[in-house]
Amino acid sequence: MSGSPLARGEGRTTALAAVRSSLTAARAYLRGVMGADAYEKYLEHHRAETAAGRCDHAAMTEREFWRDHADRQDANPQGRCC
């Protein structure tokens, strides 16, 4: 039985890879729901607009982005929990 995949630990490796993949997907989902990925989305959008020639200014830093984000929410309140 030493030649079987389970004896070599391949089943465990596959299971760990599946768990890791599931946790990665769950993390990405939660970041999206919570809005934590907003800066990454902004950078992707900025790169696309720059490549298309519709944007000629530098991207905001992460700190500038979140300050602008908070200012926009304060100026235009929408339905949110807090």
PDB file of N, CA and C in Angstrom:
ATOM      1  N   MET A   1       0.787  -1.190   0.000  1.00  0.00           N
ATOM      2  CA  MET A   1       0.000   0.000   0.000  1.00  0.00           C
ATOM      3  C   MET A   1       0.836   1.263   0.000  1.00  0.00           C
ATOM      4  N   SER A   2       2.146   1.143   0.075  1.00  0.00           N
ATOM      5  CA  SER A   2       3.003   2.315   0.129  1.00  0.00           C
ATOM      6  C   SER A   2       3.032   3.074  -1.188  1.00  0.00           C
ATOM      7  N   GLY A   3       2.564   2.470  -2.255  1.00  0.00           N
ATOM      8  CA  GLY A   3       2.554   3.157  -3.537  1.00  0.00           C
ATOM      9  C   GLY A   3       1.271   3.902  -3.818  1.00  0.00           C
ATOM     10  N   SER A   4       0.270   3.776  -2.927  1.00  0.00           N
ATOM     11  CA  SER A   4      -1.003   4.435  -3.178  1.00  0.00           C
ATOM     12  C   SER A   4      -0.882   5.938  -2.911  1.00  0.00           C
ATOM     13  N   PRO A   5      -1.727   6.733  -3.591  1.00  0.00           N
ATOM     14  CA  PRO A   5      -1.691   8.187  -3.390  1.00  0.00           C
ATOM     15  C   PRO A   5      -1.908   8.594  -1.942  1.00  0.00           C
ATOM     16  N   LEU A   6      -2.787   7.894  -1.227  1.00  0.00           N
ATOM     17  CA  LEU A   6      -3.037   8.254   0.169  1.00  0.00           C
ATOM     18  C   LEU A   6      -1.826   7.975   1.036  1.00  0.00           C
ATOM     19  N   ALA A   7      -1.136   6.888   0.760  1.00  0.00           N
ATOM     20  CA  ALA A   7       0.055   6.559   1.540  1.00  0.00           C
ATOM     21  C   ALA A   7       1.150   7.594   1.313  1.00  0.00           C
ATOM     22  N   ARG A   8       1.193   8.180   0.132  1.00  0.00           N
ATOM     23  CA  ARG A   8       2.211   9.192  -0.164  1.00  0.00           C
ATOM     24  C   ARG A   8       1.787  10.585   0.307  1.00  0.00           C
ATOM     25  N   GLY A   9       0.587  10.718   0.823  1.00  0.00           N
ATOM     26  CA  GLY A   9       0.137  12.007   1.343  1.00  0.00           C
ATOM     27  C   GLY A   9      -0.464  12.924   0.296  1.00  0.00           C
ATOM     28  N   GLU A  10      -0.713  12.405  -0.901  1.00  0.00           N
ATOM     29  CA  GLU A  10      -1.252  13.256  -1.961  1.00  0.00           C
ATOM     30  C   GLU A  10      -2.677  13.704  -1.664  1.00  0.00           C
ATOM     31  N   GLY A  11      -3.451  12.856  -1.011  1.00  0.00           N
ATOM     32  CA  GLY A  11      -4.817  13.232  -0.663  1.00  0.00           C
ATOM     33  C   GLY A  11      -4.849  14.395   0.302  1.00  0.00           C
ATOM     34  N   ARG A  12      -3.935  14.390   1.248  1.00  0.00           N
ATOM     35  CA  ARG A  12      -3.856  15.476   2.223  1.00  0.00           C
ATOM     36  C   ARG A  12      -3.444  16.774   1.540  1.00  0.00           C
ATOM     37  N   THR A  13      -2.486  16.680   0.630  1.00  0.00           N
ATOM     38  CA  THR A  13      -2.025  17.869  -0.095  1.00  0.00           C
ATOM     39  C   THR A  13      -3.156  18.458  -0.926  1.00  0.00           C
ATOM     40  N   THR A  14      -3.916  17.591  -1.590  1.00  0.00           N
ATOM     41  CA  THR A  14      -5.043  18.052  -2.391  1.00  0.00           C
ATOM     42  C   THR A  14      -6.102  18.701  -1.509  1.00  0.00           C
ATOM     43  N   ALA A  15      -6.373  18.107  -0.365  1.00  0.00           N
ATOM     44  CA  ALA A  15      -7.367  18.668   0.553  1.00  0.00           C
ATOM     45  C   ALA A  15      -6.915  20.019   1.081  1.00  0.00           C
ATOM     46  N   LEU A  16      -5.646  20.146   1.424  1.00  0.00           N
ATOM     47  CA  LEU A  16      -5.127  21.431   1.912  1.00  0.00           C
ATOM     48  C   LEU A  16      -5.195  22.494   0.823  1.00  0.00           C
ATOM     49  N   ALA A  17      -4.899  22.095  -0.409  1.00  0.00           N
ATOM     50  CA  ALA A  17      -4.980  23.044  -1.521  1.00  0.00           C
ATOM     51  C   ALA A  17      -6.419  23.506  -1.721  1.00  0.00           C
ATOM     52  N   ALA A  18      -7.381  22.602  -1.574  1.00  0.00           N
ATOM     53  CA  ALA A  18      -8.792  22.956  -1.718  1.00  0.00           C
ATOM     54  C   ALA A  18      -9.225  23.907  -0.599  1.00  0.00           C
ATOM     55  N   VAL A  19      -8.789  23.631   0.623  1.00  0.00           N
ATOM     56  CA  VAL A  19      -9.128  24.513   1.751  1.00  0.00           C
ATOM     57  C   VAL A  19      -8.507  25.887   1.546  1.00  0.00           C
ATOM     58  N   ARG A  20      -7.250  25.916   1.148  1.00  0.00           N
ATOM     59  CA  ARG A  20      -6.564  27.192   0.906  1.00  0.00           C
ATOM     60  C   ARG A  20      -7.274  27.989  -0.191  1.00  0.00           C
ATOM     61  N   SER A  21      -7.673  27.302  -1.259  1.00  0.00           N
ATOM     62  CA  SER A  21      -8.377  27.966  -2.347  1.00  0.00           C
ATOM     63  C   SER A  21      -9.718  28.520  -1.873  1.00  0.00           C
ATOM     64  N   SER A  22     -10.423  27.750  -1.071  1.00  0.00           N
ATOM     65  CA  SER A  22     -11.712  28.202  -0.545  1.00  0.00           C
ATOM     66  C   SER A  22     -11.544  29.410   0.372  1.00  0.00           C
ATOM     67  N   LEU A  23     -10.530  29.388   1.212  1.00  0.00           N
ATOM     68  CA  LEU A  23     -10.281  30.516   2.111  1.00  0.00           C
ATOM     69  C   LEU A  23      -9.890  31.768   1.342  1.00  0.00           C
ATOM     70  N   THR A  24      -9.101  31.597   0.281  1.00  0.00           N
ATOM     71  CA  THR A  24      -8.713  32.729  -0.557  1.00  0.00           C
ATOM     72  C   THR A  24      -9.940  33.344  -1.224  1.00  0.00           C
ATOM     73  N   ALA A  25     -10.823  32.488  -1.739  1.00  0.00           N
ATOM     74  CA  ALA A  25     -12.046  32.978  -2.370  1.00  0.00           C
ATOM     75  C   ALA A  25     -12.946  33.673  -1.354  1.00  0.00           C
ATOM     76  N   ALA A  26     -13.061  33.111  -0.162  1.00  0.00           N
ATOM     77  CA  ALA A  26     -13.886  33.722   0.883  1.00  0.00           C
ATOM     78  C   ALA A  26     -13.325  35.084   1.284  1.00  0.00           C
ATOM     79  N   ARG A  27     -12.017  35.175   1.386  1.00  0.00           N
ATOM     80  CA  ARG A  27     -11.372  36.445   1.745  1.00  0.00           C
ATOM     81  C   ARG A  27     -11.649  37.503   0.680  1.00  0.00           C
ATOM     82  N   ALA A  28     -11.509  37.122  -0.600  1.00  0.00           N
ATOM     83  CA  ALA A  28     -11.772  38.054  -1.693  1.00  0.00           C
ATOM     84  C   ALA A  28     -13.229  38.507  -1.676  1.00  0.00           C
ATOM     85  N   TYR A  29     -14.145  37.587  -1.412  1.00  0.00           N
ATOM     86  CA  TYR A  29     -15.567  37.922  -1.346  1.00  0.00           C
ATOM     87  C   TYR A  29     -15.837  38.913  -0.214  1.00  0.00           C
ATOM     88  N   LEU A  30     -15.311  38.614   0.968  1.00  0.00           N
ATOM     89  CA  LEU A  30     -15.534  39.500   2.111  1.00  0.00           C
ATOM     90  C   LEU A  30     -14.915  40.877   1.900  1.00  0.00           C
ATOM     91  N   ARG A  31     -13.737  40.926   1.288  1.00  0.00           N
ATOM     92  CA  ARG A  31     -13.128  42.222   0.986  1.00  0.00           C
ATOM     93  C   ARG A  31     -14.027  43.027   0.057  1.00  0.00           C
ATOM     94  N   GLY A  32     -14.644  42.350  -0.908  1.00  0.00           N
ATOM     95  CA  GLY A  32     -15.555  43.022  -1.827  1.00  0.00           C
ATOM     96  C   GLY A  32     -16.806  43.528  -1.131  1.00  0.00           C
ATOM     97  N   VAL A  33     -17.368  42.709  -0.266  1.00  0.00           N
ATOM     98  CA  VAL A  33     -18.575  43.090   0.467  1.00  0.00           C
ATOM     99  C   VAL A  33     -18.290  44.265   1.399  1.00  0.00           C
ATOM    100  N   MET A  34     -17.144  44.226   2.062  1.00  0.00           N
ATOM    101  CA  MET A  34     -16.795  45.273   3.023  1.00  0.00           C
ATOM    102  C   MET A  34     -16.252  46.534   2.347  1.00  0.00           C
ATOM    103  N   GLY A  35     -15.908  46.450   1.071  1.00  0.00           N
ATOM    104  CA  GLY A  35     -15.373  47.603   0.363  1.00  0.00           C
ATOM    105  C   GLY A  35     -13.879  47.787   0.522  1.00  0.00           C
ATOM    106  N   ALA A  36     -13.209  46.816   1.120  1.00  0.00           N
ATOM    107  CA  ALA A  36     -11.768  46.931   1.354  1.00  0.00           C
ATOM    108  C   ALA A  36     -10.958  46.857   0.074  1.00  0.00           C
ATOM    109  N   ASP A  37     -11.569  46.373  -0.996  1.00  0.00           N
ATOM    110  CA  ASP A  37     -10.848  46.273  -2.261  1.00  0.00           C
ATOM    111  C   ASP A  37     -11.083  47.493  -3.164  1.00  0.00           C
ATOM    112  N   ALA A  38     -11.695  48.529  -2.622  1.00  0.00           N
ATOM    113  CA  ALA A  38     -12.036  49.706  -3.423  1.00  0.00           C
ATOM    114  C   ALA A  38     -10.801  50.383  -4.013  1.00  0.00           C
ATOM    115  N   TYR A  39      -9.723  50.459  -3.253  1.00  0.00           N
ATOM    116  CA  TYR A  39      -8.522  51.119  -3.764  1.00  0.00           C
ATOM    117  C   TYR A  39      -7.925  50.328  -4.930  1.00  0.00           C
ATOM    118  N   GLU A  40      -7.898  48.994  -4.806  1.00  0.00           N
ATOM    119  CA  GLU A  40      -7.383  48.172  -5.900  1.00  0.00           C
ATOM    120  C   GLU A  40      -8.234  48.360  -7.160  1.00  0.00           C
ATOM    121  N   LYS A  41      -9.553  48.431  -6.985  1.00  0.00           N
ATOM    122  CA  LYS A  41     -10.449  48.657  -8.123  1.00  0.00           C
ATOM    123  C   LYS A  41     -10.202  50.029  -8.735  1.00  0.00           C
ATOM    124  N   TYR A  42      -9.980  51.025  -7.885  1.00  0.00           N
ATOM    125  CA  TYR A  42      -9.674  52.367  -8.374  1.00  0.00           C
ATOM    126  C   TYR A  42      -8.398  52.360  -9.212  1.00  0.00           C
ATOM    127  N   LEU A  43      -7.363  51.682  -8.719  1.00  0.00           N
ATOM    128  CA  LEU A  43      -6.106  51.626  -9.471  1.00  0.00           C
ATOM    129  C   LEU A  43      -6.281  50.938 -10.817  1.00  0.00           C
ATOM    130  N   GLU A  44      -7.059  49.845 -10.845  1.00  0.00           N
ATOM    131  CA  GLU A  44      -7.326  49.161 -12.112  1.00  0.00           C
ATOM    132  C   GLU A  44      -8.045  50.096 -13.076  1.00  0.00           C
ATOM    133  N   HIS A  45      -9.038  50.810 -12.574  1.00  0.00           N
ATOM    134  CA  HIS A  45      -9.793  51.756 -13.408  1.00  0.00           C
ATOM    135  C   HIS A  45      -8.876  52.875 -13.906  1.00  0.00           C
ATOM    136  N   HIS A  46      -8.045  53.393 -13.032  1.00  0.00           N
ATOM    137  CA  HIS A  46      -7.147  54.479 -13.403  1.00  0.00           C
ATOM    138  C   HIS A  46      -6.180  54.016 -14.489  1.00  0.00           C
ATOM    139  N   ARG A  47      -5.626  52.811 -14.335  1.00  0.00           N
ATOM    140  CA  ARG A  47      -4.712  52.274 -15.355  1.00  0.00           C
ATOM    141  C   ARG A  47      -5.410  52.147 -16.704  1.00  0.00           C
ATOM    142  N   ALA A  48      -6.636  51.651 -16.692  1.00  0.00           N
ATOM    143  CA  ALA A  48      -7.385  51.485 -17.941  1.00  0.00           C
ATOM    144  C   ALA A  48      -7.670  52.834 -18.590  1.00  0.00           C
ATOM    145  N   GLU A  49      -8.071  53.812 -17.797  1.00  0.00           N
ATOM    146  CA  GLU A  49      -8.355  55.143 -18.339  1.00  0.00           C
ATOM    147  C   GLU A  49      -7.090  55.810 -18.875  1.00  0.00           C
ATOM    148  N   THR A  50      -5.980  55.623 -18.183  1.00  0.00           N
ATOM    149  CA  THR A  50      -4.710  56.185 -18.640  1.00  0.00           C
ATOM    150  C   THR A  50      -4.288  55.532 -19.952  1.00  0.00           C
ATOM    151  N   ALA A  51      -4.426  54.219 -20.034  1.00  0.00           N
ATOM    152  CA  ALA A  51      -4.057  53.495 -21.254  1.00  0.00           C
ATOM    153  C   ALA A  51      -4.929  53.914 -22.430  1.00  0.00           C
ATOM    154  N   ALA A  52      -6.187  54.260 -22.166  1.00  0.00           N
ATOM    155  CA  ALA A  52      -7.105  54.677 -23.220  1.00  0.00           C
ATOM    156  C   ALA A  52      -6.927  56.148 -23.579  1.00  0.00           C
ATOM    157  N   GLY A  53      -6.070  56.858 -22.848  1.00  0.00           N
ATOM    158  CA  GLY A  53      -5.818  58.258 -23.136  1.00  0.00           C
ATOM    159  C   GLY A  53      -6.846  59.211 -22.547  1.00  0.00           C
ATOM    160  N   ARG A  54      -7.699  58.730 -21.676  1.00  0.00           N
ATOM    161  CA  ARG A  54      -8.739  59.588 -21.089  1.00  0.00           C
ATOM    162  C   ARG A  54      -8.345  60.174 -19.744  1.00  0.00           C
ATOM    163  N   CYS A  55      -7.150  59.863 -19.270  1.00  0.00           N
ATOM    164  CA  CYS A  55      -6.712  60.335 -17.964  1.00  0.00           C
ATOM    165  C   CYS A  55      -5.234  60.720 -18.065  1.00  0.00           C
ATOM    166  N   ASP A  56      -4.900  61.911 -17.613  1.00  0.00           N
ATOM    167  CA  ASP A  56      -3.514  62.352 -17.737  1.00  0.00           C
ATOM    168  C   ASP A  56      -2.901  62.769 -16.394  1.00  0.00           C
ATOM    169  N   HIS A  57      -3.544  62.416 -15.291  1.00  0.00           N
ATOM    170  CA  HIS A  57      -2.986  62.756 -13.981  1.00  0.00           C
ATOM    171  C   HIS A  57      -2.566  61.483 -13.248  1.00  0.00           C
ATOM    172  N   ALA A  58      -1.723  61.648 -12.272  1.00  0.00           N
ATOM    173  CA  ALA A  58      -1.236  60.501 -11.496  1.00  0.00           C
ATOM    174  C   ALA A  58      -2.352  59.969 -10.599  1.00  0.00           C
ATOM    175  N   ALA A  59      -2.288  58.689 -10.316  1.00  0.00           N
ATOM    176  CA  ALA A  59      -3.268  58.072  -9.419  1.00  0.00           C
ATOM    177  C   ALA A  59      -3.088  58.614  -8.004  1.00  0.00           C
ATOM    178  N   MET A  60      -4.192  58.673  -7.267  1.00  0.00           N
ATOM    179  CA  MET A  60      -4.118  59.094  -5.876  1.00  0.00           C
ATOM    180  C   MET A  60      -3.375  58.033  -5.068  1.00  0.00           C
ATOM    181  N   THR A  61      -2.717  58.473  -4.019  1.00  0.00           N
ATOM    182  CA  THR A  61      -2.126  57.510  -3.095  1.00  0.00           C
ATOM    183  C   THR A  61      -3.277  56.834  -2.353  1.00  0.00           C
ATOM    184  N   GLU A  62      -2.985  55.759  -1.658  1.00  0.00           N
ATOM    185  CA  GLU A  62      -4.046  55.064  -0.934  1.00  0.00           C
ATOM    186  C   GLU A  62      -4.651  55.969   0.133  1.00  0.00           C
ATOM    187  N   ARG A  63      -3.810  56.739   0.798  1.00  0.00           N
ATOM    188  CA  ARG A  63      -4.302  57.657   1.830  1.00  0.00           C
ATOM    189  C   ARG A  63      -5.216  58.719   1.210  1.00  0.00           C
ATOM    190  N   GLU A  64      -4.803  59.296   0.085  1.00  0.00           N
ATOM    191  CA  GLU A  64      -5.631  60.293  -0.598  1.00  0.00           C
ATOM    192  C   GLU A  64      -6.956  59.679  -1.051  1.00  0.00           C
ATOM    193  N   PHE A  65      -6.882  58.456  -1.569  1.00  0.00           N
ATOM    194  CA  PHE A  65      -8.090  57.784  -2.032  1.00  0.00           C
ATOM    195  C   PHE A  65      -9.098  57.624  -0.904  1.00  0.00           C
ATOM    196  N   TRP A  66      -8.658  57.109   0.245  1.00  0.00           N
ATOM    197  CA  TRP A  66      -9.598  56.866   1.341  1.00  0.00           C
ATOM    198  C   TRP A  66     -10.125  58.170   1.929  1.00  0.00           C
ATOM    199  N   ARG A  67      -9.294  59.231   1.937  1.00  0.00           N
ATOM    200  CA  ARG A  67      -9.776  60.531   2.405  1.00  0.00           C
ATOM    201  C   ARG A  67     -10.860  61.043   1.460  1.00  0.00           C
ATOM    202  N   ASP A  68     -10.632  60.943   0.158  1.00  0.00           N
ATOM    203  CA  ASP A  68     -11.608  61.359  -0.842  1.00  0.00           C
ATOM    204  C   ASP A  68     -12.882  60.516  -0.717  1.00  0.00           C
ATOM    205  N   HIS A  69     -12.708  59.238  -0.503  1.00  0.00           N
ATOM    206  CA  HIS A  69     -13.842  58.320  -0.349  1.00  0.00           C
ATOM    207  C   HIS A  69     -14.700  58.737   0.845  1.00  0.00           C
ATOM    208  N   ALA A  70     -14.071  59.016   1.970  1.00  0.00           N
ATOM    209  CA  ALA A  70     -14.794  59.442   3.171  1.00  0.00           C
ATOM    210  C   ALA A  70     -15.474  60.789   2.953  1.00  0.00           C
ATOM    211  N   ASP A  71     -14.780  61.713   2.290  1.00  0.00           N
ATOM    212  CA  ASP A  71     -15.371  63.023   2.011  1.00  0.00           C
ATOM    213  C   ASP A  71     -16.603  62.899   1.123  1.00  0.00           C
ATOM    214  N   ARG A  72     -16.532  62.024   0.112  1.00  0.00           N
ATOM    215  CA  ARG A  72     -17.682  61.820  -0.778  1.00  0.00           C
ATOM    216  C   ARG A  72     -18.854  61.227  -0.011  1.00  0.00           C
ATOM    217  N   GLN A  73     -18.589  60.289   0.886  1.00  0.00           N
ATOM    218  CA  GLN A  73     -19.671  59.698   1.674  1.00  0.00           C
ATOM    219  C   GLN A  73     -20.302  60.722   2.605  1.00  0.00           C
ATOM    220  N   ASP A  74     -19.482  61.600   3.171  1.00  0.00           N
ATOM    221  CA  ASP A  74     -20.024  62.642   4.053  1.00  0.00           C
ATOM    222  C   ASP A  74     -20.865  63.644   3.267  1.00  0.00           C
ATOM    223  N   ALA A  75     -20.416  63.992   2.071  1.00  0.00           N
ATOM    224  CA  ALA A  75     -21.125  64.977   1.255  1.00  0.00           C
ATOM    225  C   ALA A  75     -22.396  64.399   0.639  1.00  0.00           C
ATOM    226  N   ASN A  76     -22.399  63.106   0.350  1.00  0.00           N
ATOM    227  CA  ASN A  76     -23.543  62.448  -0.298  1.00  0.00           C
ATOM    228  C   ASN A  76     -23.934  61.197   0.481  1.00  0.00           C
ATOM    229  N   PRO A  77     -24.537  61.361   1.645  1.00  0.00           N
ATOM    230  CA  PRO A  77     -24.873  60.175   2.446  1.00  0.00           C
ATOM    231  C   PRO A  77     -25.898  59.308   1.735  1.00  0.00           C
ATOM    232  N   GLN A  78     -25.638  58.027   1.771  1.00  0.00           N
ATOM    233  CA  GLN A  78     -26.559  57.047   1.201  1.00  0.00           C
ATOM    234  C   GLN A  78     -26.877  56.026   2.271  1.00  0.00           C
ATOM    235  N   GLY A  79     -27.787  55.126   1.976  1.00  0.00           N
ATOM    236  CA  GLY A  79     -28.143  54.118   2.949  1.00  0.00           C
ATOM    237  C   GLY A  79     -26.959  53.280   3.363  1.00  0.00           C
ATOM    238  N   ARG A  80     -26.647  53.313   4.634  1.00  0.00           N
ATOM    239  CA  ARG A  80     -25.587  52.485   5.197  1.00  0.00           C
ATOM    240  C   ARG A  80     -25.889  52.288   6.676  1.00  0.00           C
ATOM    241  N   CYS A  81     -25.235  51.350   7.254  1.00  0.00           N
ATOM    242  CA  CYS A  81     -25.589  50.969   8.624  1.00  0.00           C
ATOM    243  C   CYS A  81     -25.195  52.012   9.670  1.00  0.00           C
ATOM    244  N   CYS A  82     -24.136  52.773   9.437  1.00  0.00           N
ATOM    245  CA  CYS A  82     -23.631  53.658  10.485  1.00  0.00           C
ATOM    246  C   CYS A  82     -23.548  55.096  10.029  1.00  0.00           C
TER     247      CYS A  82
END
